[in-house]
Amino acid sequence: MPELRKDPVTGRWVIIATDRAKRPTDFVRDKVQIRGSGFCPFCYGNESKTPPEILAYRSDGSSPNSPGWSLRVVANKFPALGIEGSLNRQGEGLYDKMNGIGAHEVIIETPKHELTLASLPVRQVEDVLWAYRDRIIDLKKDRRFKYILIFKNHGDAAGASLEHTHSQLIALPVVPKRVTEEVDGAREHYNFKERCIFCDIIRQESESKIRLISENDGFLTIAPFASRFPFEMWIIPKMHQCAFEESQKREFEQLAPVLKDMLTRLDRVLDFPAYNYIVHTSPIGEPAQDYYHWHMEIMPKLTKVAGFEWGTGFYINPTPPEESAKFLREAAVFAGV
């Protein structure tokens, strides 16, 4: 029989459609293939074809906007929001509006077109995490911004317009509703029980192990109880920490192999699927130290959001998270290189 499950953080309901239960091979999809045909502005030697770099990691002392880099951050050439100007908040009757002020940046994760984040060496995955941190810390200084979202679209089905592996950052002048729901839910739990709900989830999933995918000293990866999508995963730091950018060397040394491992397992189990991942961290200026807990959410693109989902906010997941976790546990393929 299908189950309705409630997300313990946001209160959002999902339908686990057990009578439609699907194994990895049941999903019809196009696998993500790096073809490398045609011109790519993110490739080595094409630095002049992107906006000027905001940040770059270089080991040879090479000049900005030239070859010699291992990672670059540039402004998005077609930004969703513009960096220049003031917010100019206005009311128009009962409606509110403001100028589209924000920052939209692209993190080019490697100069090598044929690689994916899953196939990068662990040290380079760690560099990607450091770039996220460096840019968040810098953008937090801008008092116009209230939230900074890190996200990755991998493959056409996930919204990637270029196949060269990259992730993105958008700084917003408002806190997104989905983040507000998480923060409010975490605060409510803390006010009632004086504990972080994410820490409670870590304890319960560590003990039950039925949705546990992997863990190391610093991080736990689970299929969340109320998974919205088949094979959805959360990577959560075991040590309570509300903001991603507060992470230090030890945390990134522990997180990089976990992230690489989980993306490698997705490729093995689901035959190189498109996916999105996001980093949910504390809003800028939010006094959420005690009750919010940053985490990564990884969502393969295996199902479509249709009329029921748009009309209700409920998601229908045809693969129970316990089954997803089992398949992903059994795909322990990461060799630590």
C-alpha atoms as a PDB file:
ATOM      1  CA  MET A   1       0.000   0.000   0.000  1.00  0.00           C
ATOM      2  CA  PRO A   2       1.283   3.536  -0.746  1.00  0.00           C
ATOM      3  CA  GLU A   3       2.498   5.594   2.218  1.00  0.00           C
ATOM      4  CA  LEU A   4       2.205   9.263   3.032  1.00  0.00           C
ATOM      5  CA  ARG A   5       5.369  10.405   4.786  1.00  0.00           C
ATOM      6  CA  LYS A   6       5.960  13.757   6.479  1.00  0.00           C
ATOM      7  CA  ASP A   7       9.309  15.504   6.272  1.00  0.00           C
ATOM      8  CA  PRO A   8      10.278  16.095   9.932  1.00  0.00           C
ATOM      9  CA  VAL A   9      12.004  19.392   9.164  1.00  0.00           C
ATOM     10  CA  THR A  10       9.623  21.236   6.824  1.00  0.00           C
ATOM     11  CA  GLY A  11       6.367  19.373   7.422  1.00  0.00           C
ATOM     12  CA  ARG A  12       6.090  18.690   3.684  1.00  0.00           C
ATOM     13  CA  TRP A  13       4.278  15.470   2.750  1.00  0.00           C
ATOM     14  CA  VAL A  14       5.385  13.008   0.082  1.00  0.00           C
ATOM     15  CA  ILE A  15       3.749   9.898  -1.322  1.00  0.00           C
ATOM     16  CA  ILE A  16       5.918   6.796  -1.383  1.00  0.00           C
ATOM     17  CA  ALA A  17       4.164   4.859  -4.138  1.00  0.00           C
ATOM     18  CA  THR A  18       5.169   1.369  -3.047  1.00  0.00           C
ATOM     19  CA  ASP A  19       2.792  -0.257  -5.544  1.00  0.00           C
ATOM     20  CA  ARG A  20       4.792   1.426  -8.312  1.00  0.00           C
ATOM     21  CA  ALA A  21       8.118   0.415  -6.762  1.00  0.00           C
ATOM     22  CA  LYS A  22      10.938   0.768  -9.244  1.00  0.00           C
ATOM     23  CA  ARG A  23      14.429  -0.669  -9.368  1.00  0.00           C
ATOM     24  CA  PRO A  24      17.284   1.344 -10.911  1.00  0.00           C
ATOM     25  CA  THR A  25      16.893  -0.414 -14.259  1.00  0.00           C
ATOM     26  CA  ASP A  26      13.193   0.516 -14.459  1.00  0.00           C
ATOM     27  CA  PHE A  27      13.871   4.205 -15.082  1.00  0.00           C
ATOM     28  CA  VAL A  28      13.946   5.213 -18.744  1.00  0.00           C
ATOM     29  CA  ARG A  29      16.445   8.035 -19.238  1.00  0.00           C
ATOM     30  CA  ASP A  30      19.302   9.269 -21.378  1.00  0.00           C
ATOM     31  CA  LYS A  31      22.632   8.870 -19.624  1.00  0.00           C
ATOM     32  CA  VAL A  32      24.901  11.886 -19.430  1.00  0.00           C
ATOM     33  CA  GLN A  33      27.726  11.511 -21.931  1.00  0.00           C
ATOM     34  CA  ILE A  34      30.572  14.006 -22.348  1.00  0.00           C
ATOM     35  CA  ARG A  35      30.925  14.253 -26.096  1.00  0.00           C
ATOM     36  CA  GLY A  36      33.322  17.191 -26.276  1.00  0.00           C
ATOM     37  CA  SER A  37      32.309  18.272 -29.750  1.00  0.00           C
ATOM     38  CA  GLY A  38      32.295  21.938 -30.691  1.00  0.00           C
ATOM     39  CA  PHE A  39      33.593  25.047 -28.976  1.00  0.00           C
ATOM     40  CA  CYS A  40      33.548  25.266 -25.161  1.00  0.00           C
ATOM     41  CA  PRO A  41      34.263  28.588 -23.399  1.00  0.00           C
ATOM     42  CA  PHE A  42      35.183  26.761 -20.181  1.00  0.00           C
ATOM     43  CA  CYS A  43      38.039  24.777 -21.719  1.00  0.00           C
ATOM     44  CA  TYR A  44      41.733  25.453 -21.200  1.00  0.00           C
ATOM     45  CA  GLY A  45      42.955  28.188 -23.533  1.00  0.00           C
ATOM     46  CA  ASN A  46      39.532  29.827 -23.941  1.00  0.00           C
ATOM     47  CA  GLU A  47      39.819  32.078 -20.900  1.00  0.00           C
ATOM     48  CA  SER A  48      39.159  35.190 -22.981  1.00  0.00           C
ATOM     49  CA  LYS A  49      35.734  33.795 -23.947  1.00  0.00           C
ATOM     50  CA  THR A  50      34.362  34.059 -20.396  1.00  0.00           C
ATOM     51  CA  PRO A  51      33.891  37.127 -18.206  1.00  0.00           C
ATOM     52  CA  PRO A  52      37.049  37.987 -16.207  1.00  0.00           C
ATOM     53  CA  GLU A  53      37.794  35.535 -13.443  1.00  0.00           C
ATOM     54  CA  ILE A  54      36.719  36.411  -9.918  1.00  0.00           C
ATOM     55  CA  LEU A  55      38.786  33.650  -8.347  1.00  0.00           C
ATOM     56  CA  ALA A  56      41.251  31.114  -9.697  1.00  0.00           C
ATOM     57  CA  TYR A  57      43.467  28.445  -8.207  1.00  0.00           C
ATOM     58  CA  ARG A  58      46.852  28.445  -9.949  1.00  0.00           C
ATOM     59  CA  SER A  59      49.975  26.563  -8.951  1.00  0.00           C
ATOM     60  CA  ASP A  60      52.438  28.042 -11.428  1.00  0.00           C
ATOM     61  CA  GLY A  61      52.104  31.792 -10.826  1.00  0.00           C
ATOM     62  CA  SER A  62      50.387  32.298 -14.179  1.00  0.00           C
ATOM     63  CA  SER A  63      48.551  35.525 -14.928  1.00  0.00           C
ATOM     64  CA  PRO A  64      44.811  35.969 -14.393  1.00  0.00           C
ATOM     65  CA  ASN A  65      42.553  35.063 -17.324  1.00  0.00           C
ATOM     66  CA  SER A  66      45.207  32.906 -18.946  1.00  0.00           C
ATOM     67  CA  PRO A  67      46.083  29.184 -18.949  1.00  0.00           C
ATOM     68  CA  GLY A  68      47.701  27.705 -15.857  1.00  0.00           C
ATOM     69  CA  TRP A  69      44.622  27.267 -13.652  1.00  0.00           C
ATOM     70  CA  SER A  70      43.080  24.208 -12.037  1.00  0.00           C
ATOM     71  CA  LEU A  71      39.789  25.926 -11.086  1.00  0.00           C
ATOM     72  CA  ARG A  72      38.208  29.243 -12.109  1.00  0.00           C
ATOM     73  CA  VAL A  73      35.226  31.253 -10.903  1.00  0.00           C
ATOM     74  CA  VAL A  74      33.700  33.741 -13.340  1.00  0.00           C
ATOM     75  CA  ALA A  75      30.526  35.776 -13.495  1.00  0.00           C
ATOM     76  CA  ASN A  76      27.727  34.059 -15.385  1.00  0.00           C
ATOM     77  CA  LYS A  77      27.624  35.559 -18.883  1.00  0.00           C
ATOM     78  CA  PHE A  78      23.817  35.471 -18.771  1.00  0.00           C
ATOM     79  CA  PRO A  79      23.082  36.219 -15.098  1.00  0.00           C
ATOM     80  CA  ALA A  80      19.712  35.690 -13.465  1.00  0.00           C
ATOM     81  CA  LEU A  81      20.411  38.785 -11.320  1.00  0.00           C
ATOM     82  CA  GLY A  82      22.676  41.815 -11.748  1.00  0.00           C
ATOM     83  CA  ILE A  83      25.401  42.858  -9.332  1.00  0.00           C
ATOM     84  CA  GLU A  84      25.195  46.628  -9.897  1.00  0.00           C
ATOM     85  CA  GLY A  85      22.652  48.974  -8.333  1.00  0.00           C
ATOM     86  CA  SER A  86      20.409  49.307  -5.315  1.00  0.00           C
ATOM     87  CA  LEU A  87      17.417  47.202  -4.332  1.00  0.00           C
ATOM     88  CA  ASN A  88      14.913  50.078  -4.526  1.00  0.00           C
ATOM     89  CA  ARG A  89      12.142  48.174  -2.737  1.00  0.00           C
ATOM     90  CA  GLN A  90       8.701  49.393  -3.768  1.00  0.00           C
ATOM     91  CA  GLY A  91       5.058  48.685  -3.219  1.00  0.00           C
ATOM     92  CA  GLU A  92       2.543  48.646  -6.053  1.00  0.00           C
ATOM     93  CA  GLY A  93      -0.803  48.408  -4.344  1.00  0.00           C
ATOM     94  CA  LEU A  94      -0.766  45.091  -2.531  1.00  0.00           C
ATOM     95  CA  TYR A  95       2.237  43.919  -4.582  1.00  0.00           C
ATOM     96  CA  ASP A  96       5.912  44.211  -3.647  1.00  0.00           C
ATOM     97  CA  LYS A  97       8.870  44.444  -5.969  1.00  0.00           C
ATOM     98  CA  MET A  98      12.544  45.399  -6.042  1.00  0.00           C
ATOM     99  CA  ASN A  99      15.367  45.583  -8.530  1.00  0.00           C
ATOM    100  CA  GLY A 100      16.858  42.253  -9.582  1.00  0.00           C
ATOM    101  CA  ILE A 101      20.063  42.664  -7.609  1.00  0.00           C
ATOM    102  CA  GLY A 102      22.281  39.686  -6.863  1.00  0.00           C
ATOM    103  CA  ALA A 103      25.384  37.815  -7.898  1.00  0.00           C
ATOM    104  CA  HIS A 104      25.450  34.885 -10.325  1.00  0.00           C
ATOM    105  CA  GLU A 105      28.761  33.064 -10.674  1.00  0.00           C
ATOM    106  CA  VAL A 106      30.038  29.897 -12.334  1.00  0.00           C
ATOM    107  CA  ILE A 107      32.593  27.609 -10.697  1.00  0.00           C
ATOM    108  CA  ILE A 108      34.511  25.850 -13.511  1.00  0.00           C
ATOM    109  CA  GLU A 109      35.701  22.761 -11.674  1.00  0.00           C
ATOM    110  CA  THR A 110      38.508  21.617 -14.001  1.00  0.00           C
ATOM    111  CA  PRO A 111      40.163  22.726 -17.250  1.00  0.00           C
ATOM    112  CA  LYS A 112      39.652  19.217 -18.672  1.00  0.00           C
ATOM    113  CA  HIS A 113      36.447  18.947 -20.674  1.00  0.00           C
ATOM    114  CA  GLU A 114      36.174  15.161 -20.549  1.00  0.00           C
ATOM    115  CA  LEU A 115      36.071  14.910 -16.743  1.00  0.00           C
ATOM    116  CA  THR A 116      33.093  15.051 -14.394  1.00  0.00           C
ATOM    117  CA  LEU A 117      33.047  15.934 -10.722  1.00  0.00           C
ATOM    118  CA  ALA A 118      32.742  12.212  -9.957  1.00  0.00           C
ATOM    119  CA  SER A 119      35.885  11.435 -11.964  1.00  0.00           C
ATOM    120  CA  LEU A 120      38.066  14.234 -10.547  1.00  0.00           C
ATOM    121  CA  PRO A 121      40.783  13.294  -8.036  1.00  0.00           C
ATOM    122  CA  VAL A 122      39.691  13.836  -4.435  1.00  0.00           C
ATOM    123  CA  ARG A 123      42.092  16.764  -4.034  1.00  0.00           C
ATOM    124  CA  GLN A 124      40.383  18.620  -6.884  1.00  0.00           C
ATOM    125  CA  VAL A 125      36.934  17.900  -5.439  1.00  0.00           C
ATOM    126  CA  GLU A 126      38.229  19.446  -2.233  1.00  0.00           C
ATOM    127  CA  ASP A 127      39.320  22.523  -4.217  1.00  0.00           C
ATOM    128  CA  VAL A 128      35.756  22.872  -5.517  1.00  0.00           C
ATOM    129  CA  LEU A 129      34.493  22.926  -1.912  1.00  0.00           C
ATOM    130  CA  TRP A 130      37.107  25.536  -0.973  1.00  0.00           C
ATOM    131  CA  ALA A 131      35.988  27.697  -3.899  1.00  0.00           C
ATOM    132  CA  TYR A 132      32.391  27.536  -2.636  1.00  0.00           C
ATOM    133  CA  ARG A 133      33.583  28.635   0.802  1.00  0.00           C
ATOM    134  CA  ASP A 134      35.828  31.415  -0.521  1.00  0.00           C
ATOM    135  CA  ARG A 135      33.062  32.929  -2.614  1.00  0.00           C
ATOM    136  CA  ILE A 136      30.411  32.718   0.131  1.00  0.00           C
ATOM    137  CA  ILE A 137      32.718  34.460   2.614  1.00  0.00           C
ATOM    138  CA  ASP A 138      33.448  37.237   0.120  1.00  0.00           C
ATOM    139  CA  LEU A 139      29.820  37.780  -0.935  1.00  0.00           C
ATOM    140  CA  LYS A 140      28.561  37.809   2.667  1.00  0.00           C
ATOM    141  CA  LYS A 141      30.282  41.178   3.024  1.00  0.00           C
ATOM    142  CA  ASP A 142      27.679  42.710   0.678  1.00  0.00           C
ATOM    143  CA  ARG A 143      24.854  43.886   2.931  1.00  0.00           C
ATOM    144  CA  ARG A 144      22.337  43.642   0.074  1.00  0.00           C
ATOM    145  CA  PHE A 145      22.479  39.841   0.120  1.00  0.00           C
ATOM    146  CA  LYS A 146      20.440  37.651   2.479  1.00  0.00           C
ATOM    147  CA  TYR A 147      21.143  34.195   1.092  1.00  0.00           C
ATOM    148  CA  ILE A 148      23.778  32.477  -1.050  1.00  0.00           C
ATOM    149  CA  LEU A 149      22.863  29.239  -2.824  1.00  0.00           C
ATOM    150  CA  ILE A 150      25.433  26.830  -4.231  1.00  0.00           C
ATOM    151  CA  PHE A 151      24.031  24.377  -6.765  1.00  0.00           C
ATOM    152  CA  LYS A 152      25.068  22.045  -9.564  1.00  0.00           C
ATOM    153  CA  ASN A 153      23.107  21.026 -12.666  1.00  0.00           C
ATOM    154  CA  HIS A 154      24.635  17.949 -14.314  1.00  0.00           C
ATOM    155  CA  GLY A 155      23.238  16.965 -17.693  1.00  0.00           C
ATOM    156  CA  ASP A 156      20.578  18.394 -20.005  1.00  0.00           C
ATOM    157  CA  ALA A 157      17.709  16.938 -17.992  1.00  0.00           C
ATOM    158  CA  ALA A 158      19.013  18.736 -14.895  1.00  0.00           C
ATOM    159  CA  GLY A 159      19.215  22.109 -16.642  1.00  0.00           C
ATOM    160  CA  ALA A 160      22.895  22.257 -17.637  1.00  0.00           C
ATOM    161  CA  SER A 161      23.420  24.330 -20.783  1.00  0.00           C
ATOM    162  CA  LEU A 162      27.124  23.389 -21.095  1.00  0.00           C
ATOM    163  CA  GLU A 163      28.473  19.875 -20.561  1.00  0.00           C
ATOM    164  CA  HIS A 164      31.869  21.004 -19.194  1.00  0.00           C
ATOM    165  CA  THR A 165      31.585  20.228 -15.476  1.00  0.00           C
ATOM    166  CA  HIS A 166      30.727  23.292 -13.417  1.00  0.00           C
ATOM    167  CA  SER A 167      28.575  24.444 -10.558  1.00  0.00           C
ATOM    168  CA  GLN A 168      26.933  27.778  -9.827  1.00  0.00           C
ATOM    169  CA  LEU A 169      26.365  30.302  -7.080  1.00  0.00           C
ATOM    170  CA  ILE A 170      23.541  32.813  -6.809  1.00  0.00           C
ATOM    171  CA  ALA A 171      23.449  35.458  -4.074  1.00  0.00           C
ATOM    172  CA  LEU A 172      19.934  36.707  -3.364  1.00  0.00           C
ATOM    173  CA  PRO A 173      18.498  39.797  -1.650  1.00  0.00           C
ATOM    174  CA  VAL A 174      15.824  37.598  -0.011  1.00  0.00           C
ATOM    175  CA  VAL A 175      15.811  34.226   1.735  1.00  0.00           C
ATOM    176  CA  PRO A 176      14.141  31.583  -0.488  1.00  0.00           C
ATOM    177  CA  LYS A 177      10.873  30.127   0.795  1.00  0.00           C
ATOM    178  CA  ARG A 178      12.214  26.568   0.797  1.00  0.00           C
ATOM    179  CA  VAL A 179      15.135  27.607   2.998  1.00  0.00           C
ATOM    180  CA  THR A 180      12.810  29.572   5.291  1.00  0.00           C
ATOM    181  CA  GLU A 181      10.665  26.450   5.715  1.00  0.00           C
ATOM    182  CA  GLU A 182      13.728  24.467   6.793  1.00  0.00           C
ATOM    183  CA  VAL A 183      14.966  27.137   9.178  1.00  0.00           C
ATOM    184  CA  ASP A 184      11.511  27.650  10.707  1.00  0.00           C
ATOM    185  CA  GLY A 185      10.998  23.898  11.106  1.00  0.00           C
ATOM    186  CA  ALA A 186      14.400  23.480  12.731  1.00  0.00           C
ATOM    187  CA  ARG A 187      13.726  26.414  15.075  1.00  0.00           C
ATOM    188  CA  GLU A 188      10.333  24.993  16.093  1.00  0.00           C
ATOM    189  CA  HIS A 189      11.887  21.605  16.893  1.00  0.00           C
ATOM    190  CA  TYR A 190      14.640  23.263  18.914  1.00  0.00           C
ATOM    191  CA  ASN A 191      12.183  25.424  20.864  1.00  0.00           C
ATOM    192  CA  PHE A 192      10.184  22.309  21.775  1.00  0.00           C
ATOM    193  CA  LYS A 193      12.988  19.806  22.455  1.00  0.00           C
ATOM    194  CA  GLU A 194      16.130  21.957  22.837  1.00  0.00           C
ATOM    195  CA  ARG A 195      17.894  19.804  20.242  1.00  0.00           C
ATOM    196  CA  CYS A 196      18.842  20.256  16.591  1.00  0.00           C
ATOM    197  CA  ILE A 197      16.483  18.219  14.414  1.00  0.00           C
ATOM    198  CA  PHE A 198      19.271  17.360  11.967  1.00  0.00           C
ATOM    199  CA  CYS A 199      21.386  16.037  14.849  1.00  0.00           C
ATOM    200  CA  ASP A 200      18.371  13.956  15.885  1.00  0.00           C
ATOM    201  CA  ILE A 201      18.076  12.617  12.323  1.00  0.00           C
ATOM    202  CA  ILE A 202      21.778  11.696  12.368  1.00  0.00           C
ATOM    203  CA  ARG A 203      21.361   9.787  15.639  1.00  0.00           C
ATOM    204  CA  GLN A 204      18.277   7.895  14.489  1.00  0.00           C
ATOM    205  CA  GLU A 205      19.611   6.999  11.038  1.00  0.00           C
ATOM    206  CA  SER A 206      22.973   5.925  12.510  1.00  0.00           C
ATOM    207  CA  GLU A 207      21.168   3.551  14.868  1.00  0.00           C
ATOM    208  CA  SER A 208      18.560   2.130  12.474  1.00  0.00           C
ATOM    209  CA  LYS A 209      20.868   2.006   9.413  1.00  0.00           C
ATOM    210  CA  ILE A 210      17.965   1.197   7.059  1.00  0.00           C
ATOM    211  CA  ARG A 211      18.347   4.477   5.155  1.00  0.00           C
ATOM    212  CA  LEU A 212      22.067   4.877   5.842  1.00  0.00           C
ATOM    213  CA  ILE A 213      24.190   4.825   2.684  1.00  0.00           C
ATOM    214  CA  SER A 214      27.656   5.573   4.045  1.00  0.00           C
ATOM    215  CA  GLU A 215      29.512   7.410   6.767  1.00  0.00           C
ATOM    216  CA  ASN A 216      32.996   8.431   7.775  1.00  0.00           C
ATOM    217  CA  ASP A 217      34.280  10.281  10.837  1.00  0.00           C
ATOM    218  CA  GLY A 218      32.828  13.576   9.691  1.00  0.00           C
ATOM    219  CA  PHE A 219      29.795  12.944   7.480  1.00  0.00           C
ATOM    220  CA  LEU A 220      26.707  10.791   7.161  1.00  0.00           C
ATOM    221  CA  THR A 221      24.917  10.095   3.858  1.00  0.00           C
ATOM    222  CA  ILE A 222      21.290   8.977   3.990  1.00  0.00           C
ATOM    223  CA  ALA A 223      18.254   8.500   1.816  1.00  0.00           C
ATOM    224  CA  PRO A 224      15.897  10.865   3.687  1.00  0.00           C
ATOM    225  CA  PHE A 225      12.772   9.353   5.279  1.00  0.00           C
ATOM    226  CA  ALA A 226      10.437  11.532   3.193  1.00  0.00           C
ATOM    227  CA  SER A 227      12.497  11.458  -0.022  1.00  0.00           C
ATOM    228  CA  ARG A 228      10.890  13.527  -2.768  1.00  0.00           C
ATOM    229  CA  PHE A 229      12.721  11.709  -5.550  1.00  0.00           C
ATOM    230  CA  PRO A 230      14.044   8.205  -6.182  1.00  0.00           C
ATOM    231  CA  PHE A 231      17.653   7.854  -5.010  1.00  0.00           C
ATOM    232  CA  GLU A 232      17.660  11.286  -3.329  1.00  0.00           C
ATOM    233  CA  MET A 233      20.575  11.604  -0.887  1.00  0.00           C
ATOM    234  CA  TRP A 234      21.506  13.987   1.900  1.00  0.00           C
ATOM    235  CA  ILE A 235      25.095  14.453   3.050  1.00  0.00           C
ATOM    236  CA  ILE A 236      25.088  15.849   6.600  1.00  0.00           C
ATOM    237  CA  PRO A 237      28.063  16.822   8.785  1.00  0.00           C
ATOM    238  CA  LYS A 238      28.054  14.853  12.026  1.00  0.00           C
ATOM    239  CA  MET A 239      29.363  17.808  13.984  1.00  0.00           C
ATOM    240  CA  HIS A 240      26.668  20.435  14.466  1.00  0.00           C
ATOM    241  CA  GLN A 241      27.377  23.436  12.243  1.00  0.00           C
ATOM    242  CA  CYS A 242      24.844  25.860  10.841  1.00  0.00           C
ATOM    243  CA  ALA A 243      26.889  27.419   8.017  1.00  0.00           C
ATOM    244  CA  PHE A 244      28.810  25.669   5.247  1.00  0.00           C
ATOM    245  CA  GLU A 245      31.399  28.441   5.097  1.00  0.00           C
ATOM    246  CA  GLU A 246      32.416  27.777   8.711  1.00  0.00           C
ATOM    247  CA  SER A 247      33.914  24.451   7.583  1.00  0.00           C
ATOM    248  CA  GLN A 248      37.669  24.124   7.853  1.00  0.00           C
ATOM    249  CA  LYS A 249      40.408  21.952   6.361  1.00  0.00           C
ATOM    250  CA  ARG A 250      39.482  18.810   8.293  1.00  0.00           C
ATOM    251  CA  GLU A 251      35.817  18.990   7.241  1.00  0.00           C
ATOM    252  CA  PHE A 252      36.643  19.446   3.566  1.00  0.00           C
ATOM    253  CA  GLU A 253      39.174  16.601   3.688  1.00  0.00           C
ATOM    254  CA  GLN A 254      36.339  14.406   4.967  1.00  0.00           C
ATOM    255  CA  LEU A 255      33.596  15.776   2.705  1.00  0.00           C
ATOM    256  CA  ALA A 256      35.466  15.616  -0.623  1.00  0.00           C
ATOM    257  CA  PRO A 257      35.800  11.799  -0.715  1.00  0.00           C
ATOM    258  CA  VAL A 258      32.186  11.395   0.423  1.00  0.00           C
ATOM    259  CA  LEU A 259      30.861  13.643  -2.343  1.00  0.00           C
ATOM    260  CA  LYS A 260      33.006  11.915  -4.980  1.00  0.00           C
ATOM    261  CA  ASP A 261      31.936   8.513  -3.667  1.00  0.00           C
ATOM    262  CA  MET A 262      28.214   9.327  -3.746  1.00  0.00           C
ATOM    263  CA  LEU A 263      28.343  10.701  -7.299  1.00  0.00           C
ATOM    264  CA  THR A 264      30.349   7.653  -8.383  1.00  0.00           C
ATOM    265  CA  ARG A 265      27.728   5.359  -6.843  1.00  0.00           C
ATOM    266  CA  LEU A 266      24.968   7.204  -8.704  1.00  0.00           C
ATOM    267  CA  ASP A 267      26.843   6.643 -11.955  1.00  0.00           C
ATOM    268  CA  ARG A 268      27.269   2.956 -11.161  1.00  0.00           C
ATOM    269  CA  VAL A 269      23.690   2.280 -10.002  1.00  0.00           C
ATOM    270  CA  LEU A 270      21.790   4.542 -12.419  1.00  0.00           C
ATOM    271  CA  ASP A 271      24.085   4.485 -15.488  1.00  0.00           C
ATOM    272  CA  PHE A 272      25.353   8.084 -15.426  1.00  0.00           C
ATOM    273  CA  PRO A 273      22.132   9.987 -14.654  1.00  0.00           C
ATOM    274  CA  ALA A 274      21.521  13.706 -14.808  1.00  0.00           C
ATOM    275  CA  TYR A 275      21.312  15.166 -11.318  1.00  0.00           C
ATOM    276  CA  ASN A 276      21.089  18.355  -9.304  1.00  0.00           C
ATOM    277  CA  TYR A 277      22.703  19.049  -5.986  1.00  0.00           C
ATOM    278  CA  ILE A 278      22.321  21.991  -3.667  1.00  0.00           C
ATOM    279  CA  VAL A 279      24.034  23.215  -0.507  1.00  0.00           C
ATOM    280  CA  HIS A 280      21.537  24.419   2.071  1.00  0.00           C
ATOM    281  CA  THR A 281      23.265  26.647   4.585  1.00  0.00           C
ATOM    282  CA  SER A 282      22.149  29.193   7.158  1.00  0.00           C
ATOM    283  CA  PRO A 283      20.838  32.528   5.813  1.00  0.00           C
ATOM    284  CA  ILE A 284      23.189  35.485   6.165  1.00  0.00           C
ATOM    285  CA  GLY A 285      22.711  37.108   9.549  1.00  0.00           C
ATOM    286  CA  GLU A 286      20.358  34.371  10.787  1.00  0.00           C
ATOM    287  CA  PRO A 287      21.093  33.595  14.458  1.00  0.00           C
ATOM    288  CA  ALA A 288      20.673  29.888  13.718  1.00  0.00           C
ATOM    289  CA  GLN A 289      23.773  28.555  15.426  1.00  0.00           C
ATOM    290  CA  ASP A 290      21.927  26.207  17.794  1.00  0.00           C
ATOM    291  CA  TYR A 291      19.082  24.886  15.673  1.00  0.00           C
ATOM    292  CA  TYR A 292      20.010  24.867  11.963  1.00  0.00           C
ATOM    293  CA  HIS A 293      22.437  22.402  10.367  1.00  0.00           C
ATOM    294  CA  TRP A 294      23.873  22.834   6.858  1.00  0.00           C
ATOM    295  CA  HIS A 295      23.703  19.868   4.462  1.00  0.00           C
ATOM    296  CA  MET A 296      23.914  18.853   0.800  1.00  0.00           C
ATOM    297  CA  GLU A 297      20.960  17.423  -1.116  1.00  0.00           C
ATOM    298  CA  ILE A 298      21.636  15.304  -4.232  1.00  0.00           C
ATOM    299  CA  MET A 299      18.661  14.619  -6.531  1.00  0.00           C
ATOM    300  CA  PRO A 300      18.933  12.413  -9.643  1.00  0.00           C
ATOM    301  CA  LYS A 301      16.549  13.376 -12.458  1.00  0.00           C
ATOM    302  CA  LEU A 302      14.571  10.166 -12.835  1.00  0.00           C
ATOM    303  CA  THR A 303      10.941  11.296 -12.579  1.00  0.00           C
ATOM    304  CA  LYS A 304       8.958  14.281 -13.801  1.00  0.00           C
ATOM    305  CA  VAL A 305       7.163  16.870 -11.709  1.00  0.00           C
ATOM    306  CA  ALA A 306       3.635  17.117 -13.121  1.00  0.00           C
ATOM    307  CA  GLY A 307       0.192  18.541 -12.368  1.00  0.00           C
ATOM    308  CA  PHE A 308      -0.387  16.760  -9.069  1.00  0.00           C
ATOM    309  CA  GLU A 309       2.931  17.954  -7.663  1.00  0.00           C
ATOM    310  CA  TRP A 310       2.400  21.541  -8.808  1.00  0.00           C
ATOM    311  CA  GLY A 311      -1.160  21.565  -7.501  1.00  0.00           C
ATOM    312  CA  THR A 312      -0.470  20.099  -4.073  1.00  0.00           C
ATOM    313  CA  GLY A 313       3.212  20.512  -3.254  1.00  0.00           C
ATOM    314  CA  PHE A 314       3.274  16.726  -2.661  1.00  0.00           C
ATOM    315  CA  TYR A 315       5.871  14.664  -4.499  1.00  0.00           C
ATOM    316  CA  ILE A 316       5.274  11.098  -5.672  1.00  0.00           C
ATOM    317  CA  ASN A 317       8.329   8.896  -5.219  1.00  0.00           C
ATOM    318  CA  PRO A 318       8.084   5.421  -6.814  1.00  0.00           C
ATOM    319  CA  THR A 319      11.155   4.040  -5.019  1.00  0.00           C
ATOM    320  CA  PRO A 320      11.091   3.788  -1.201  1.00  0.00           C
ATOM    321  CA  PRO A 321      14.183   5.416   0.296  1.00  0.00           C
ATOM    322  CA  GLU A 322      14.996   2.180   2.119  1.00  0.00           C
ATOM    323  CA  GLU A 323      15.346   0.478  -1.282  1.00  0.00           C
ATOM    324  CA  SER A 324      17.362   3.373  -2.712  1.00  0.00           C
ATOM    325  CA  ALA A 325      19.726   3.230   0.251  1.00  0.00           C
ATOM    326  CA  LYS A 326      20.185  -0.530  -0.187  1.00  0.00           C
ATOM    327  CA  PHE A 327      21.146  -0.212  -3.859  1.00  0.00           C
ATOM    328  CA  LEU A 328      23.516   2.660  -3.130  1.00  0.00           C
ATOM    329  CA  ARG A 329      25.099   0.896  -0.143  1.00  0.00           C
ATOM    330  CA  GLU A 330      25.854  -2.095  -2.322  1.00  0.00           C
ATOM    331  CA  ALA A 331      27.542   0.133  -4.928  1.00  0.00           C
ATOM    332  CA  ALA A 332      30.562   0.967  -2.782  1.00  0.00           C
ATOM    333  CA  VAL A 333      32.971   1.551  -5.652  1.00  0.00           C
ATOM    334  CA  PHE A 334      35.104   4.490  -4.530  1.00  0.00           C
ATOM    335  CA  ALA A 335      38.792   3.592  -4.390  1.00  0.00           C
ATOM    336  CA  GLY A 336      40.059   6.706  -2.561  1.00  0.00           C
ATOM    337  CA  VAL A 337      42.129   8.136  -5.416  1.00  0.00           C
END
